[in-house]
């Protein structure tokens, strides 16, 4: 009998791109993993899209509110003093590792390999996963569920753009080439 879904911290850099975020959240809704984040991670997401304009930031804050309602247990707060004992190449990323520890996460999903060295994370019992590898592994274990999520995101992208959105090309643009090759 399989155990509970793994807990994974989603770094802000994987929440900013819409297609990637929608696939990651859709797969979580399908019960394939439990997403975790902190208030600071969500704030970084909102600030990152601010560069596109105030409407984009407002939309991100609305999406954050929806995610808080859909995943009320996902927001974790690091214990006091935890960040002080942690060390990463970029001090601005320590809060992500602290959230992973506080939430009992098995992994951090991030594009930021340089600032999350595998050895440092392993010392805390946490893995670093790139989004493509993480989603490809979930697809390998649950092809129908992941495929359905990707198709729903592809169809919505097509509806919004008014143009065909072939799955392989869409996933390549979303920096998910391995998953795109598997599904395309």
Protein backbone atom coordinates (compact mmCIF):
# COMPACT_ATOMS: atom_id res chain seq x y z
CA UNK A 1 0.00 0.00 0.00
CA UNK A 2 1.55 3.32 -1.01
CA UNK A 3 2.29 5.86 1.68
CA UNK A 4 1.23 9.47 1.88
CA UNK A 5 2.24 11.73 -1.02
CA UNK A 6 5.67 13.28 -0.64
CA UNK A 7 5.93 16.83 0.66
CA UNK A 8 7.74 19.25 -1.64
CA UNK A 9 8.59 22.93 -1.23
CA UNK A 10 7.97 24.91 -4.41
CA UNK A 11 10.55 27.67 -4.76
CA UNK A 12 9.29 31.02 -6.07
CA UNK A 13 11.14 30.53 -9.38
CA UNK A 14 8.85 27.60 -10.28
CA UNK A 15 5.69 29.48 -9.30
CA UNK A 16 6.28 32.47 -11.58
CA UNK A 17 5.94 30.82 -15.03
CA UNK A 18 2.21 30.25 -15.57
CA UNK A 19 2.28 26.96 -17.49
CA UNK A 20 4.79 25.40 -15.10
CA UNK A 21 2.87 26.60 -12.03
CA UNK A 22 -0.44 25.34 -13.40
CA UNK A 23 1.03 21.90 -14.09
CA UNK A 24 2.72 21.69 -10.67
CA UNK A 25 -0.44 22.77 -8.86
CA UNK A 26 -2.66 20.56 -11.02
CA UNK A 27 -0.55 17.51 -10.20
CA UNK A 28 -0.77 18.43 -6.51
CA UNK A 29 -4.57 18.71 -6.81
CA UNK A 30 -4.49 15.22 -8.32
CA UNK A 31 -2.93 14.05 -5.04
CA UNK A 32 0.48 13.08 -6.42
CA UNK A 33 2.43 15.22 -3.94
CA UNK A 34 1.79 17.74 -1.18
CA UNK A 35 2.96 21.27 -2.02
CA UNK A 36 4.57 23.45 0.62
CA UNK A 37 5.63 27.10 0.64
CA UNK A 38 6.09 29.95 3.07
CA UNK A 39 4.64 33.43 3.14
CA UNK A 40 8.05 34.71 2.02
CA UNK A 41 8.14 32.37 -0.99
CA UNK A 42 4.71 33.58 -2.03
CA UNK A 43 5.78 37.20 -1.56
CA UNK A 44 8.84 36.57 -3.76
CA UNK A 45 6.50 35.20 -6.45
CA UNK A 46 4.29 38.31 -6.31
CA UNK A 47 7.30 40.62 -6.41
CA UNK A 48 8.88 38.72 -9.31
CA UNK A 49 5.87 39.34 -11.54
CA UNK A 50 5.72 43.00 -10.54
CA UNK A 51 8.25 43.67 -13.32
CA UNK A 52 5.51 42.78 -15.84
CA UNK A 53 3.24 45.44 -14.35
CA UNK A 54 0.77 46.09 -11.54
CA UNK A 55 -1.96 43.99 -13.15
CA UNK A 56 0.32 40.94 -13.18
CA UNK A 57 1.24 41.46 -9.53
CA UNK A 58 -2.44 41.79 -8.60
CA UNK A 59 -3.22 38.61 -10.51
CA UNK A 60 -0.39 36.77 -8.71
CA UNK A 61 -1.69 37.94 -5.33
CA UNK A 62 -5.16 36.69 -6.31
CA UNK A 63 -3.69 33.33 -7.31
CA UNK A 64 -1.82 33.19 -4.01
CA UNK A 65 -5.11 33.73 -2.14
CA UNK A 66 -6.73 30.92 -4.13
CA UNK A 67 -3.84 28.56 -3.39
CA UNK A 68 -4.00 29.40 0.32
CA UNK A 69 -7.69 28.44 0.29
CA UNK A 70 -7.13 25.26 -1.77
CA UNK A 71 -4.09 24.11 0.21
CA UNK A 72 -4.55 25.48 3.74
CA UNK A 73 -1.87 23.17 5.18
CA UNK A 74 0.73 24.12 2.55
CA UNK A 75 1.99 27.29 4.22
CA UNK A 76 4.77 26.56 6.69
CA UNK A 77 6.56 28.91 9.04
CA UNK A 78 10.13 28.10 10.05
CA UNK A 79 10.82 27.76 13.75
CA UNK A 80 12.45 30.73 15.42
CA UNK A 81 16.23 30.56 15.12
CA UNK A 82 16.23 27.85 12.45
CA UNK A 83 17.52 30.12 9.68
CA UNK A 84 20.45 31.24 11.86
CA UNK A 85 22.00 27.74 11.82
CA UNK A 86 21.60 27.21 8.07
CA UNK A 87 24.10 28.10 5.37
CA UNK A 88 23.66 28.29 1.59
CA UNK A 89 25.71 30.09 -1.08
CA UNK A 90 23.04 32.81 -1.24
CA UNK A 91 21.76 33.92 2.16
CA UNK A 92 18.54 35.08 0.46
CA UNK A 93 17.62 31.42 -0.16
CA UNK A 94 18.03 30.18 3.41
CA UNK A 95 14.34 30.83 4.08
CA UNK A 96 13.42 28.24 1.41
CA UNK A 97 15.53 25.55 3.10
CA UNK A 98 14.08 26.58 6.48
CA UNK A 99 10.56 26.17 5.10
CA UNK A 100 11.46 22.71 3.77
CA UNK A 101 12.81 21.65 7.17
CA UNK A 102 9.83 23.11 9.04
CA UNK A 103 7.35 21.40 6.70
CA UNK A 104 9.06 18.02 6.74
CA UNK A 105 9.63 18.25 2.99
CA UNK A 106 11.49 15.56 1.13
CA UNK A 107 12.55 17.94 -1.64
CA UNK A 108 12.75 21.50 -2.91
CA UNK A 109 11.63 21.96 -6.52
CA UNK A 110 13.71 24.76 -8.02
CA UNK A 111 15.61 25.83 -11.11
CA UNK A 112 18.28 27.27 -8.79
CA UNK A 113 20.82 24.43 -8.60
CA UNK A 114 23.79 26.66 -7.75
CA UNK A 115 22.31 28.09 -4.56
CA UNK A 116 20.90 24.77 -3.29
CA UNK A 117 23.91 22.41 -3.22
CA UNK A 118 22.83 18.78 -3.00
CA UNK A 119 25.35 18.04 -0.23
CA UNK A 120 24.07 20.80 2.03
CA UNK A 121 20.46 19.78 1.42
CA UNK A 122 21.27 16.09 1.99
CA UNK A 123 22.62 17.02 5.43
CA UNK A 124 19.08 18.13 6.24
CA UNK A 125 17.47 15.08 4.60
CA UNK A 126 16.17 17.10 1.66
CA UNK A 127 16.70 16.60 -2.08
CA UNK A 128 16.86 19.25 -4.78
CA UNK A 129 14.66 18.49 -7.78
CA UNK A 130 14.46 20.37 -11.04
CA UNK A 131 10.84 20.79 -12.19
CA UNK A 132 11.28 18.74 -15.37
CA UNK A 133 12.81 15.76 -13.57
CA UNK A 134 10.27 15.98 -10.75
CA UNK A 135 7.28 16.05 -13.10
CA UNK A 136 8.78 13.39 -15.37
CA UNK A 137 9.12 11.07 -12.35
CA UNK A 138 5.51 11.73 -11.34
CA UNK A 139 4.46 11.03 -14.95
CA UNK A 140 6.47 7.78 -14.92
CA UNK A 141 4.57 6.64 -11.82
CA UNK A 142 1.15 8.10 -12.76
CA UNK A 143 1.02 8.70 -16.54
CA UNK A 144 -2.77 9.08 -16.81
CA UNK A 145 -3.05 11.64 -13.99
CA UNK A 146 -0.10 13.77 -15.09
CA UNK A 147 -1.17 13.48 -18.73
CA UNK A 148 -4.67 14.72 -17.86
CA UNK A 149 -3.26 17.72 -15.97
CA UNK A 150 -0.92 18.63 -18.81
CA UNK A 151 -3.74 18.32 -21.35
CA UNK A 152 -5.98 20.61 -19.28
CA UNK A 153 -3.21 23.22 -19.04
CA UNK A 154 -2.48 22.88 -22.78
CA UNK A 155 -6.16 23.31 -23.66
CA UNK A 156 -6.43 26.41 -21.46
CA UNK A 157 -3.28 27.91 -23.01
CA UNK A 158 -4.78 27.28 -26.44
CA UNK A 159 -8.09 28.85 -25.41
CA UNK A 160 -6.39 31.94 -23.99
CA UNK A 161 -3.98 32.41 -26.89
CA UNK A 162 -6.43 31.54 -29.65
CA UNK A 163 -3.64 29.56 -31.32
CA UNK A 164 -2.75 25.87 -31.41
CA UNK A 165 -0.50 24.85 -28.52
CA UNK A 166 1.18 21.52 -29.30
CA UNK A 167 2.06 19.86 -26.02
CA UNK A 168 5.74 19.25 -26.78
CA UNK A 169 6.36 22.86 -27.84
CA UNK A 170 4.38 24.24 -24.88
CA UNK A 171 6.33 22.15 -22.40
CA UNK A 172 9.65 23.03 -24.02
CA UNK A 173 8.84 26.74 -23.57
CA UNK A 174 7.92 25.95 -19.95
CA UNK A 175 11.41 24.42 -19.47
CA UNK A 176 9.95 20.92 -19.29
CA UNK A 177 11.59 19.29 -22.34
CA UNK A 178 11.86 15.79 -20.87
CA UNK A 179 8.19 15.74 -19.89
CA UNK A 180 7.30 17.22 -23.29
CA UNK A 181 9.20 14.48 -25.10
CA UNK A 182 7.43 11.84 -23.01
CA UNK A 183 3.99 13.30 -23.69
CA UNK A 184 4.54 14.66 -27.18
